[in-house]
PDB file of N, CA and C in Angstrom:
ATOM      1  N   MET A   1       0.786  -1.217   0.001  1.00  0.00           N
ATOM      2  CA  MET A   1      -0.007  -0.053  -0.071  1.00  0.00           C
ATOM      3  C   MET A   1       0.962   1.244  -0.065  1.00  0.00           C
ATOM      4  N   SER A   2       0.559   2.239  -0.753  1.00  0.00           N
ATOM      5  CA  SER A   2       1.160   3.446  -0.732  1.00  0.00           C
ATOM      6  C   SER A   2       0.280   4.578  -0.620  1.00  0.00           C
ATOM      7  N   ILE A   3       0.884   5.868  -0.376  1.00  0.00           N
ATOM      8  CA  ILE A   3       0.071   7.021  -0.258  1.00  0.00           C
ATOM      9  C   ILE A   3      -0.767   7.299  -1.442  1.00  0.00           C
ATOM     10  N   ASP A   4      -0.340   6.922  -2.530  1.00  0.00           N
ATOM     11  CA  ASP A   4      -1.138   7.238  -3.787  1.00  0.00           C
ATOM     12  C   ASP A   4      -2.341   6.203  -3.888  1.00  0.00           C
ATOM     13  N   THR A   5      -2.269   4.929  -3.352  1.00  0.00           N
ATOM     14  CA  THR A   5      -3.385   4.130  -3.524  1.00  0.00           C
ATOM     15  C   THR A   5      -4.344   3.999  -2.262  1.00  0.00           C
ATOM     16  N   TYR A   6      -3.885   4.511  -1.151  1.00  0.00           N
ATOM     17  CA  TYR A   6      -4.710   4.495   0.070  1.00  0.00           C
ATOM     18  C   TYR A   6      -5.768   5.365  -0.006  1.00  0.00           C
ATOM     19  N   LYS A   7      -7.122   5.034   0.319  1.00  0.00           N
ATOM     20  CA  LYS A   7      -8.252   5.876   0.407  1.00  0.00           C
ATOM     21  C   LYS A   7      -8.643   5.874   1.802  1.00  0.00           C
ATOM     22  N   LEU A   8      -8.972   7.057   2.333  1.00  0.00           N
ATOM     23  CA  LEU A   8      -9.430   7.171   3.731  1.00  0.00           C
ATOM     24  C   LEU A   8     -10.738   6.398   3.977  1.00  0.00           C
ATOM     25  N   THR A   9     -11.461   6.170   2.948  1.00  0.00           N
ATOM     26  CA  THR A   9     -12.825   5.519   3.175  1.00  0.00           C
ATOM     27  C   THR A   9     -12.621   3.913   3.152  1.00  0.00           C
ATOM     28  N   SER A  10     -11.417   3.507   3.114  1.00  0.00           N
ATOM     29  CA  SER A  10     -11.015   2.195   2.851  1.00  0.00           C
ATOM     30  C   SER A  10     -11.264   1.454   4.139  1.00  0.00           C
ATOM     31  N   MET A  11     -11.722   0.226   4.172  1.00  0.00           N
ATOM     32  CA  MET A  11     -11.884  -0.547   5.232  1.00  0.00           C
ATOM     33  C   MET A  11     -10.612  -1.102   5.767  1.00  0.00           C
ATOM     34  N   GLU A  12      -9.511  -1.039   4.935  1.00  0.00           N
ATOM     35  CA  GLU A  12      -8.154  -1.469   5.329  1.00  0.00           C
ATOM     36  C   GLU A  12      -7.290  -0.326   6.144  1.00  0.00           C
ATOM     37  N   GLU A  13      -6.684  -0.788   7.292  1.00  0.00           N
ATOM     38  CA  GLU A  13      -6.111   0.213   8.083  1.00  0.00           C
ATOM     39  C   GLU A  13      -4.912   0.580   7.268  1.00  0.00           C
ATOM     40  N   PRO A  14      -4.435   1.866   7.341  1.00  0.00           N
ATOM     41  CA  PRO A  14      -3.082   2.322   6.761  1.00  0.00           C
ATOM     42  C   PRO A  14      -1.918   1.817   7.342  1.00  0.00           C
ATOM     43  N   THR A  15      -0.852   1.540   6.652  1.00  0.00           N
ATOM     44  CA  THR A  15       0.454   1.182   7.192  1.00  0.00           C
ATOM     45  C   THR A  15       0.900   2.284   8.142  1.00  0.00           C
ATOM     46  N   ASP A  16       1.773   2.104   8.920  1.00  0.00           N
ATOM     47  CA  ASP A  16       2.521   3.205   9.750  1.00  0.00           C
ATOM     48  C   ASP A  16       3.050   4.186   8.816  1.00  0.00           C
ATOM     49  N   GLU A  17       3.735   3.746   7.666  1.00  0.00           N
ATOM     50  CA  GLU A  17       4.341   4.711   6.809  1.00  0.00           C
ATOM     51  C   GLU A  17       3.382   5.585   6.069  1.00  0.00           C
ATOM     52  N   VAL A  18       2.286   5.061   5.692  1.00  0.00           N
ATOM     53  CA  VAL A  18       1.256   5.822   4.957  1.00  0.00           C
ATOM     54  C   VAL A  18       0.568   6.762   6.043  1.00  0.00           C
ATOM     55  N   LEU A  19       0.233   6.313   7.067  1.00  0.00           N
ATOM     56  CA  LEU A  19      -0.333   7.151   8.177  1.00  0.00           C
ATOM     57  C   LEU A  19       0.637   8.252   8.453  1.00  0.00           C
ATOM     58  N   SER A  20       2.007   7.980   8.683  1.00  0.00           N
ATOM     59  CA  SER A  20       2.874   8.989   8.968  1.00  0.00           C
ATOM     60  C   SER A  20       3.018   9.979   7.895  1.00  0.00           C
ATOM     61  N   GLN A  21       2.952   9.671   6.643  1.00  0.00           N
ATOM     62  CA  GLN A  21       2.950  10.652   5.536  1.00  0.00           C
ATOM     63  C   GLN A  21       1.648  11.439   5.526  1.00  0.00           C
ATOM     64  N   LEU A  22       0.550  10.794   5.754  1.00  0.00           N
ATOM     65  CA  LEU A  22      -0.678  11.522   5.760  1.00  0.00           C
ATOM     66  C   LEU A  22      -0.644  12.520   6.750  1.00  0.00           C
ATOM     67  N   MET A  23      -0.244  12.331   7.954  1.00  0.00           N
ATOM     68  CA  MET A  23      -0.200  13.283   9.051  1.00  0.00           C
ATOM     69  C   MET A  23       0.853  14.285   8.808  1.00  0.00           C
ATOM     70  N   ARG A  24       1.950  14.092   8.163  1.00  0.00           N
ATOM     71  CA  ARG A  24       2.872  14.983   7.736  1.00  0.00           C
ATOM     72  C   ARG A  24       2.263  16.027   6.714  1.00  0.00           C
ATOM     73  N   GLU A  25       1.746  15.564   5.758  1.00  0.00           N
ATOM     74  CA  GLU A  25       1.108  16.407   4.799  1.00  0.00           C
ATOM     75  C   GLU A  25       0.089  17.322   5.309  1.00  0.00           C
ATOM     76  N   ALA A  26      -0.845  16.706   6.275  1.00  0.00           N
ATOM     77  CA  ALA A  26      -1.866  17.547   6.805  1.00  0.00           C
ATOM     78  C   ALA A  26      -1.268  18.612   7.803  1.00  0.00           C
ATOM     79  N   ALA A  27      -0.093  18.286   8.393  1.00  0.00           N
ATOM     80  CA  ALA A  27       0.543  19.284   9.284  1.00  0.00           C
ATOM     81  C   ALA A  27       1.250  20.438   8.489  1.00  0.00           C
ATOM     82  N   GLU A  28       1.756  20.055   7.279  1.00  0.00           N
ATOM     83  CA  GLU A  28       2.273  21.125   6.372  1.00  0.00           C
ATOM     84  C   GLU A  28       1.316  22.018   5.920  1.00  0.00           C
ATOM     85  N   GLU A  29       0.005  21.401   5.472  1.00  0.00           N
ATOM     86  CA  GLU A  29      -0.974  22.214   4.980  1.00  0.00           C
ATOM     87  C   GLU A  29      -1.664  23.007   5.997  1.00  0.00           C
ATOM     88  N   ALA A  30      -1.646  22.675   7.264  1.00  0.00           N
ATOM     89  CA  ALA A  30      -2.259  23.435   8.307  1.00  0.00           C
ATOM     90  C   ALA A  30      -1.125  24.609   8.575  1.00  0.00           C
ATOM     91  N   LYS A  31       0.063  24.271   8.601  1.00  0.00           N
ATOM     92  CA  LYS A  31       1.047  25.443   8.750  1.00  0.00           C
ATOM     93  C   LYS A  31       1.068  26.462   7.804  1.00  0.00           C
ATOM     94  N   GLN A  32       0.859  26.026   6.571  1.00  0.00           N
ATOM     95  CA  GLN A  32       0.707  27.092   5.440  1.00  0.00           C
ATOM     96  C   GLN A  32      -0.487  27.835   5.490  1.00  0.00           C
ATOM     97  N   LYS A  33      -1.642  27.243   5.897  1.00  0.00           N
ATOM     98  CA  LYS A  33      -2.906  27.984   5.990  1.00  0.00           C
ATOM     99  C   LYS A  33      -2.982  28.891   7.254  1.00  0.00           C
ATOM    100  N   ARG A  34      -2.125  28.468   8.234  1.00  0.00           N
ATOM    101  CA  ARG A  34      -2.066  29.413   9.492  1.00  0.00           C
ATOM    102  C   ARG A  34      -1.332  30.601   9.034  1.00  0.00           C
ATOM    103  N   ALA A  35      -0.201  30.434   8.318  1.00  0.00           N
ATOM    104  CA  ALA A  35       0.683  31.441   7.934  1.00  0.00           C
ATOM    105  C   ALA A  35      -0.043  32.482   7.001  1.00  0.00           C
ATOM    106  N   GLU A  36      -0.947  31.864   6.160  1.00  0.00           N
ATOM    107  CA  GLU A  36      -1.732  32.904   5.149  1.00  0.00           C
ATOM    108  C   GLU A  36      -2.787  33.570   5.980  1.00  0.00           C
ATOM    109  N   ALA A  37      -3.336  32.882   6.937  1.00  0.00           N
ATOM    110  CA  ALA A  37      -4.468  33.574   7.641  1.00  0.00           C
ATOM    111  C   ALA A  37      -3.693  34.710   8.628  1.00  0.00           C
ATOM    112  N   THR A  38      -2.561  34.496   9.161  1.00  0.00           N
ATOM    113  CA  THR A  38      -2.020  35.475   9.897  1.00  0.00           C
ATOM    114  C   THR A  38      -1.504  36.523   9.095  1.00  0.00           C
ATOM    115  N   ALA A  39      -0.996  36.341   7.907  1.00  0.00           N
ATOM    116  CA  ALA A  39      -0.741  37.510   7.109  1.00  0.00           C
ATOM    117  C   ALA A  39      -1.875  38.342   6.782  1.00  0.00           C
ATOM    118  N   ARG A  40      -3.043  37.656   6.436  1.00  0.00           N
ATOM    119  CA  ARG A  40      -4.267  38.316   5.995  1.00  0.00           C
ATOM    120  C   ARG A  40      -4.732  39.266   7.209  1.00  0.00           C
ATOM    121  N   PHE A  41      -4.774  38.707   8.463  1.00  0.00           N
ATOM    122  CA  PHE A  41      -5.189  39.387   9.663  1.00  0.00           C
ATOM    123  C   PHE A  41      -4.250  40.536   9.913  1.00  0.00           C
ATOM    124  N   PHE A  42      -2.954  40.456   9.906  1.00  0.00           N
ATOM    125  CA  PHE A  42      -2.256  41.547  10.022  1.00  0.00           C
ATOM    126  C   PHE A  42      -2.262  42.646   8.985  1.00  0.00           C
ATOM    127  N   GLY A  43      -2.424  42.121   7.775  1.00  0.00           N
ATOM    128  CA  GLY A  43      -2.689  43.024   6.604  1.00  0.00           C
ATOM    129  C   GLY A  43      -3.896  43.915   6.885  1.00  0.00           C
ATOM    130  N   GLN A  44      -5.083  43.218   7.222  1.00  0.00           N
ATOM    131  CA  GLN A  44      -6.228  44.029   7.546  1.00  0.00           C
ATOM    132  C   GLN A  44      -6.089  44.879   8.747  1.00  0.00           C
ATOM    133  N   LEU A  45      -5.552  44.590   9.785  1.00  0.00           N
ATOM    134  CA  LEU A  45      -5.159  45.264  10.981  1.00  0.00           C
ATOM    135  C   LEU A  45      -4.297  46.543  10.515  1.00  0.00           C
ATOM    136  N   LYS A  46      -3.369  46.435   9.747  1.00  0.00           N
ATOM    137  CA  LYS A  46      -2.618  47.459   9.285  1.00  0.00           C
ATOM    138  C   LYS A  46      -3.499  48.538   8.302  1.00  0.00           C
ATOM    139  N   ARG A  47      -4.228  47.991   7.589  1.00  0.00           N
ATOM    140  CA  ARG A  47      -5.168  48.918   6.764  1.00  0.00           C
ATOM    141  C   ARG A  47      -6.230  49.628   7.724  1.00  0.00           C
ATOM    142  N   GLU A  48      -6.746  49.020   8.520  1.00  0.00           N
ATOM    143  CA  GLU A  48      -7.659  49.657   9.577  1.00  0.00           C
ATOM    144  C   GLU A  48      -7.008  50.704  10.272  1.00  0.00           C
ATOM    145  N   SER A  49      -5.735  50.501  10.762  1.00  0.00           N
ATOM    146  CA  SER A  49      -5.111  51.512  11.566  1.00  0.00           C
ATOM    147  C   SER A  49      -4.665  52.603  10.778  1.00  0.00           C
ATOM    148  N   GLU A  50      -4.366  52.425   9.575  1.00  0.00           N
ATOM    149  CA  GLU A  50      -3.885  53.474   8.632  1.00  0.00           C
ATOM    150  C   GLU A  50      -5.300  54.376   8.338  1.00  0.00           C
ATOM    151  N   LYS A  51      -6.349  53.809   8.258  1.00  0.00           N
ATOM    152  CA  LYS A  51      -7.610  54.560   7.988  1.00  0.00           C
ATOM    153  C   LYS A  51      -7.883  55.517   9.272  1.00  0.00           C
ATOM    154  N   ILE A  52      -7.664  54.835  10.389  1.00  0.00           N
ATOM    155  CA  ILE A  52      -7.795  55.672  11.635  1.00  0.00           C
ATOM    156  C   ILE A  52      -6.960  56.819  11.757  1.00  0.00           C
ATOM    157  N   ALA A  53      -5.687  56.419  11.420  1.00  0.00           N
ATOM    158  CA  ALA A  53      -4.597  57.497  11.618  1.00  0.00           C
ATOM    159  C   ALA A  53      -4.829  58.662  10.526  1.00  0.00           C
ATOM    160  N   ALA A  54      -5.457  58.271   9.343  1.00  0.00           N
ATOM    161  CA  ALA A  54      -5.596  59.235   8.354  1.00  0.00           C
ATOM    162  C   ALA A  54      -6.822  60.088   8.689  1.00  0.00           C
ATOM    163  N   SER A  55      -7.653  59.722   9.452  1.00  0.00           N
ATOM    164  CA  SER A  55      -9.066  60.347   9.921  1.00  0.00           C
ATOM    165  C   SER A  55      -8.774  61.413  11.102  1.00  0.00           C
ATOM    166  N   CYS A  56      -7.513  61.276  11.605  1.00  0.00           N
ATOM    167  CA  CYS A  56      -7.214  62.133  12.847  1.00  0.00           C
ATOM    168  C   CYS A  56      -6.733  63.429  12.592  1.00  0.00           C
TER     169      CYS A  56
END
């Protein structure tokens, strides 16, 4: 069994190697999404603070 052939809906349990790779990929994706969300948040915060500063 490999990561390419394993289906999460399978009745067969994944091997330790496949499970490890699935978890590693999920962690990488979560890290990337967190970084993107953080960048969007601070970008929005900066834009809002610039609006406030311009109105004073």
